[in-house]
């Protein structure tokens, strides 16, 4: 396996991680921003107010996109296992 193939494989892995993690991270970012603005305007500094809505939003996104995420990760894993004989040569 050449250096170019290894670089391509690493790039695909990083893109897969970014693609799978970004919906949950963006959701947590947006919910956190909304809660922070709400806390700043009302002067409520309750710590659980930031934690609970983020967890609920992430669980909802995971429920909606979990099937897609699992199939995408499964497809990537199958591609990696199919490449094993080529890597040995």
N, C-alpha and C. Protein backbone atom coordinates (compact mmCIF):
# COMPACT_ATOMS: atom_id res chain seq x y z
N UNK A 1 0.86 -1.17 0.00
CA UNK A 1 0.00 0.00 0.00
C UNK A 1 0.90 1.23 0.00
N UNK A 2 0.61 2.13 -0.90
CA UNK A 2 1.46 3.31 -1.06
C UNK A 2 1.07 4.39 -0.04
N UNK A 3 1.92 5.39 0.01
CA UNK A 3 1.68 6.51 0.92
C UNK A 3 0.42 7.27 0.51
N UNK A 4 0.16 7.39 -0.78
CA UNK A 4 -1.04 8.07 -1.26
C UNK A 4 -2.31 7.34 -0.84
N UNK A 5 -2.26 6.00 -0.89
CA UNK A 5 -3.42 5.21 -0.46
C UNK A 5 -3.68 5.38 1.03
N UNK A 6 -2.60 5.40 1.81
CA UNK A 6 -2.74 5.59 3.26
C UNK A 6 -3.31 6.97 3.58
N UNK A 7 -2.84 7.98 2.85
CA UNK A 7 -3.34 9.34 3.06
C UNK A 7 -4.81 9.43 2.70
N UNK A 8 -5.19 8.79 1.61
CA UNK A 8 -6.60 8.79 1.19
C UNK A 8 -7.47 8.08 2.22
N UNK A 9 -6.98 6.97 2.74
CA UNK A 9 -7.72 6.22 3.75
C UNK A 9 -7.89 7.03 5.02
N UNK A 10 -6.85 7.72 5.44
CA UNK A 10 -6.92 8.57 6.62
C UNK A 10 -7.87 9.74 6.41
N UNK A 11 -7.82 10.33 5.22
CA UNK A 11 -8.72 11.45 4.91
C UNK A 11 -10.18 10.99 4.93
N UNK A 12 -10.46 9.81 4.37
CA UNK A 12 -11.82 9.30 4.39
C UNK A 12 -12.30 9.04 5.81
N UNK A 13 -11.41 8.53 6.66
CA UNK A 13 -11.78 8.28 8.05
C UNK A 13 -12.09 9.56 8.80
N UNK A 14 -11.28 10.58 8.58
CA UNK A 14 -11.51 11.87 9.24
C UNK A 14 -12.81 12.49 8.75
N UNK A 15 -13.07 12.41 7.46
CA UNK A 15 -14.32 12.96 6.92
C UNK A 15 -15.53 12.21 7.46
N UNK A 16 -15.41 10.91 7.64
CA UNK A 16 -16.50 10.11 8.19
C UNK A 16 -16.79 10.54 9.63
N UNK A 17 -15.76 10.75 10.42
CA UNK A 17 -15.94 11.19 11.81
C UNK A 17 -16.59 12.57 11.84
N UNK A 18 -16.13 13.47 10.99
CA UNK A 18 -16.71 14.82 10.95
C UNK A 18 -18.18 14.76 10.53
N UNK A 19 -18.46 13.94 9.53
CA UNK A 19 -19.82 13.83 9.02
C UNK A 19 -20.77 13.24 10.07
N UNK A 20 -20.28 12.30 10.87
CA UNK A 20 -21.13 11.66 11.87
C UNK A 20 -21.29 12.52 13.13
N UNK A 21 -20.27 13.27 13.48
CA UNK A 21 -20.32 14.05 14.72
C UNK A 21 -20.94 15.43 14.54
N UNK A 22 -20.89 15.97 13.35
CA UNK A 22 -21.33 17.35 13.16
C UNK A 22 -22.81 17.61 13.47
N UNK A 23 -23.76 16.72 13.13
CA UNK A 23 -25.15 17.05 13.50
C UNK A 23 -25.35 17.21 14.99
N UNK A 24 -24.74 16.36 15.79
CA UNK A 24 -24.92 16.46 17.24
C UNK A 24 -24.18 17.67 17.80
N UNK A 25 -23.00 17.93 17.29
CA UNK A 25 -22.24 19.08 17.79
C UNK A 25 -22.91 20.40 17.43
N UNK A 26 -23.41 20.50 16.21
CA UNK A 26 -24.10 21.72 15.80
C UNK A 26 -25.39 21.93 16.59
N UNK A 27 -26.10 20.84 16.85
CA UNK A 27 -27.31 20.94 17.67
C UNK A 27 -26.99 21.44 19.07
N UNK A 28 -25.96 20.86 19.68
CA UNK A 28 -25.56 21.30 21.03
C UNK A 28 -25.11 22.75 21.01
N UNK A 29 -24.42 23.15 19.95
CA UNK A 29 -23.98 24.54 19.84
C UNK A 29 -25.15 25.50 19.74
N UNK A 30 -26.12 25.18 18.90
CA UNK A 30 -27.28 26.07 18.72
C UNK A 30 -28.14 26.13 19.98
N UNK A 31 -28.38 24.99 20.60
CA UNK A 31 -29.18 24.98 21.83
C UNK A 31 -28.44 25.73 22.94
N UNK A 32 -27.15 25.54 23.03
CA UNK A 32 -26.36 26.26 24.03
C UNK A 32 -26.38 27.75 23.81
N UNK A 33 -26.32 28.17 22.55
CA UNK A 33 -26.37 29.59 22.24
C UNK A 33 -27.72 30.20 22.61
N UNK A 34 -28.79 29.49 22.29
CA UNK A 34 -30.13 29.99 22.63
C UNK A 34 -30.29 30.08 24.15
N UNK A 35 -29.85 29.06 24.86
CA UNK A 35 -29.96 29.07 26.31
C UNK A 35 -29.09 30.17 26.92
N UNK A 36 -27.90 30.38 26.37
CA UNK A 36 -27.01 31.43 26.89
C UNK A 36 -27.63 32.81 26.69
N UNK A 37 -28.25 33.03 25.54
CA UNK A 37 -28.92 34.31 25.30
C UNK A 37 -30.10 34.49 26.27
N UNK A 38 -30.84 33.41 26.47
CA UNK A 38 -31.96 33.45 27.42
C UNK A 38 -31.47 33.75 28.83
N UNK A 39 -30.36 33.10 29.25
CA UNK A 39 -29.83 33.34 30.58
C UNK A 39 -29.29 34.76 30.73
N UNK A 40 -28.70 35.29 29.68
CA UNK A 40 -28.16 36.65 29.75
C UNK A 40 -29.27 37.68 29.85
N UNK A 41 -30.38 37.44 29.16
CA UNK A 41 -31.46 38.42 29.19
C UNK A 41 -32.29 38.34 30.47
N UNK A 42 -32.37 37.17 31.09
CA UNK A 42 -33.20 37.03 32.29
C UNK A 42 -32.39 36.97 33.58
N UNK A 43 -31.10 36.94 33.50
CA UNK A 43 -30.20 36.85 34.66
C UNK A 43 -30.41 35.59 35.48
N UNK A 44 -30.87 34.53 34.83
CA UNK A 44 -31.00 33.23 35.48
C UNK A 44 -29.70 32.48 35.24
N UNK A 45 -29.02 32.09 36.31
CA UNK A 45 -27.73 31.41 36.18
C UNK A 45 -27.81 29.98 36.71
N UNK A 46 -28.81 29.26 36.32
CA UNK A 46 -28.98 27.87 36.75
C UNK A 46 -28.18 26.96 35.82
N UNK A 47 -27.33 26.10 36.38
CA UNK A 47 -26.47 25.25 35.56
C UNK A 47 -27.23 24.15 34.85
N UNK A 48 -28.28 23.63 35.48
CA UNK A 48 -29.04 22.55 34.84
C UNK A 48 -29.84 23.07 33.65
N UNK A 49 -30.07 24.36 33.60
CA UNK A 49 -30.80 24.94 32.48
C UNK A 49 -30.02 24.80 31.18
N UNK A 50 -28.72 24.75 31.24
CA UNK A 50 -27.92 24.57 30.02
C UNK A 50 -27.74 23.10 29.70
N UNK A 51 -27.70 22.25 30.69
CA UNK A 51 -27.37 20.84 30.48
C UNK A 51 -28.55 20.03 29.95
N UNK A 52 -29.69 20.14 30.57
CA UNK A 52 -30.85 19.31 30.24
C UNK A 52 -31.36 19.54 28.81
N UNK A 53 -31.54 20.79 28.35
CA UNK A 53 -31.99 20.96 26.96
C UNK A 53 -31.00 20.44 25.92
N UNK A 54 -29.70 20.55 26.21
CA UNK A 54 -28.70 20.02 25.28
C UNK A 54 -28.80 18.50 25.17
N UNK A 55 -28.96 17.85 26.30
CA UNK A 55 -29.07 16.38 26.29
C UNK A 55 -30.32 15.95 25.55
N UNK A 56 -31.43 16.63 25.79
CA UNK A 56 -32.68 16.29 25.11
C UNK A 56 -32.55 16.51 23.60
N UNK A 57 -31.96 17.63 23.20
CA UNK A 57 -31.80 17.92 21.77
C UNK A 57 -30.87 16.92 21.10
N UNK A 58 -29.79 16.54 21.76
CA UNK A 58 -28.87 15.57 21.18
C UNK A 58 -29.55 14.20 21.06
N UNK A 59 -30.33 13.81 22.06
CA UNK A 59 -31.05 12.54 21.97
C UNK A 59 -32.07 12.55 20.84
N UNK A 60 -32.74 13.68 20.63
CA UNK A 60 -33.69 13.78 19.51
C UNK A 60 -32.97 13.66 18.16
N UNK A 61 -31.86 14.35 18.01
CA UNK A 61 -31.09 14.27 16.77
C UNK A 61 -30.58 12.85 16.57
N UNK A 62 -30.13 12.23 17.63
CA UNK A 62 -29.65 10.86 17.54
C UNK A 62 -30.79 9.91 17.15
N UNK A 63 -31.98 10.18 17.64
CA UNK A 63 -33.14 9.38 17.27
C UNK A 63 -33.51 9.55 15.81
N UNK A 64 -33.43 10.79 15.31
CA UNK A 64 -33.77 11.04 13.92
C UNK A 64 -32.70 10.56 12.95
N UNK A 65 -31.45 10.79 13.28
CA UNK A 65 -30.36 10.49 12.35
C UNK A 65 -29.57 9.24 12.72
N UNK A 66 -29.98 8.53 13.76
CA UNK A 66 -29.23 7.36 14.21
C UNK A 66 -29.13 6.27 13.16
N UNK A 67 -30.21 6.03 12.44
CA UNK A 67 -30.19 5.01 11.39
C UNK A 67 -29.22 5.35 10.27
N UNK A 68 -29.26 6.61 9.86
CA UNK A 68 -28.33 7.05 8.82
C UNK A 68 -26.89 6.96 9.29
N UNK A 69 -26.66 7.37 10.53
CA UNK A 69 -25.30 7.34 11.07
C UNK A 69 -24.78 5.91 11.16
N UNK A 70 -25.63 5.00 11.60
CA UNK A 70 -25.22 3.61 11.72
C UNK A 70 -24.96 2.98 10.36
N UNK A 71 -25.81 3.27 9.38
CA UNK A 71 -25.58 2.70 8.05
C UNK A 71 -24.34 3.30 7.39
N UNK A 72 -24.09 4.58 7.60
CA UNK A 72 -22.90 5.21 7.04
C UNK A 72 -21.64 4.61 7.65
N UNK A 73 -21.63 4.44 8.96
CA UNK A 73 -20.49 3.84 9.63
C UNK A 73 -20.32 2.38 9.22
N UNK A 74 -21.42 1.67 9.04
CA UNK A 74 -21.35 0.28 8.59
C UNK A 74 -20.79 0.16 7.19
N UNK A 75 -21.22 1.06 6.29
CA UNK A 75 -20.68 1.05 4.92
C UNK A 75 -19.19 1.33 4.91
N UNK A 76 -18.75 2.27 5.73
CA UNK A 76 -17.33 2.60 5.80
C UNK A 76 -16.53 1.42 6.34
N UNK A 77 -17.08 0.74 7.34
CA UNK A 77 -16.39 -0.42 7.91
C UNK A 77 -16.30 -1.56 6.90
N UNK A 78 -17.36 -1.79 6.15
CA UNK A 78 -17.33 -2.83 5.11
C UNK A 78 -16.29 -2.49 4.05
N UNK A 79 -16.21 -1.21 3.66
CA UNK A 79 -15.17 -0.80 2.69
C UNK A 79 -13.77 -1.06 3.22
N UNK A 80 -13.56 -0.77 4.50
CA UNK A 80 -12.25 -1.01 5.10
C UNK A 80 -11.91 -2.50 5.11
N UNK A 81 -12.87 -3.35 5.48
CA UNK A 81 -12.60 -4.78 5.51
C UNK A 81 -12.37 -5.34 4.11
N UNK A 82 -13.03 -4.77 3.12
CA UNK A 82 -12.80 -5.22 1.74
C UNK A 82 -11.43 -4.79 1.22
N UNK A 83 -10.85 -3.77 1.81
CA UNK A 83 -9.54 -3.29 1.38
C UNK A 83 -8.39 -4.07 2.02
N UNK A 84 -8.67 -4.90 3.01
CA UNK A 84 -7.61 -5.63 3.71
C UNK A 84 -6.75 -6.47 2.77
N UNK A 85 -7.33 -7.26 1.84
CA UNK A 85 -6.47 -8.05 0.95
C UNK A 85 -5.53 -7.19 0.10
N UNK A 86 -6.00 -6.00 -0.28
CA UNK A 86 -5.14 -5.10 -1.07
C UNK A 86 -4.02 -4.53 -0.21
N UNK A 87 -4.27 -4.34 1.07
CA UNK A 87 -3.25 -3.77 1.96
C UNK A 87 -2.12 -4.75 2.22
N UNK A 88 -2.43 -6.04 2.19
CA UNK A 88 -1.43 -7.07 2.51
C UNK A 88 -0.39 -7.16 1.39
N UNK A 89 -0.80 -6.93 0.17
CA UNK A 89 0.12 -7.07 -0.97
C UNK A 89 1.23 -6.08 -0.95
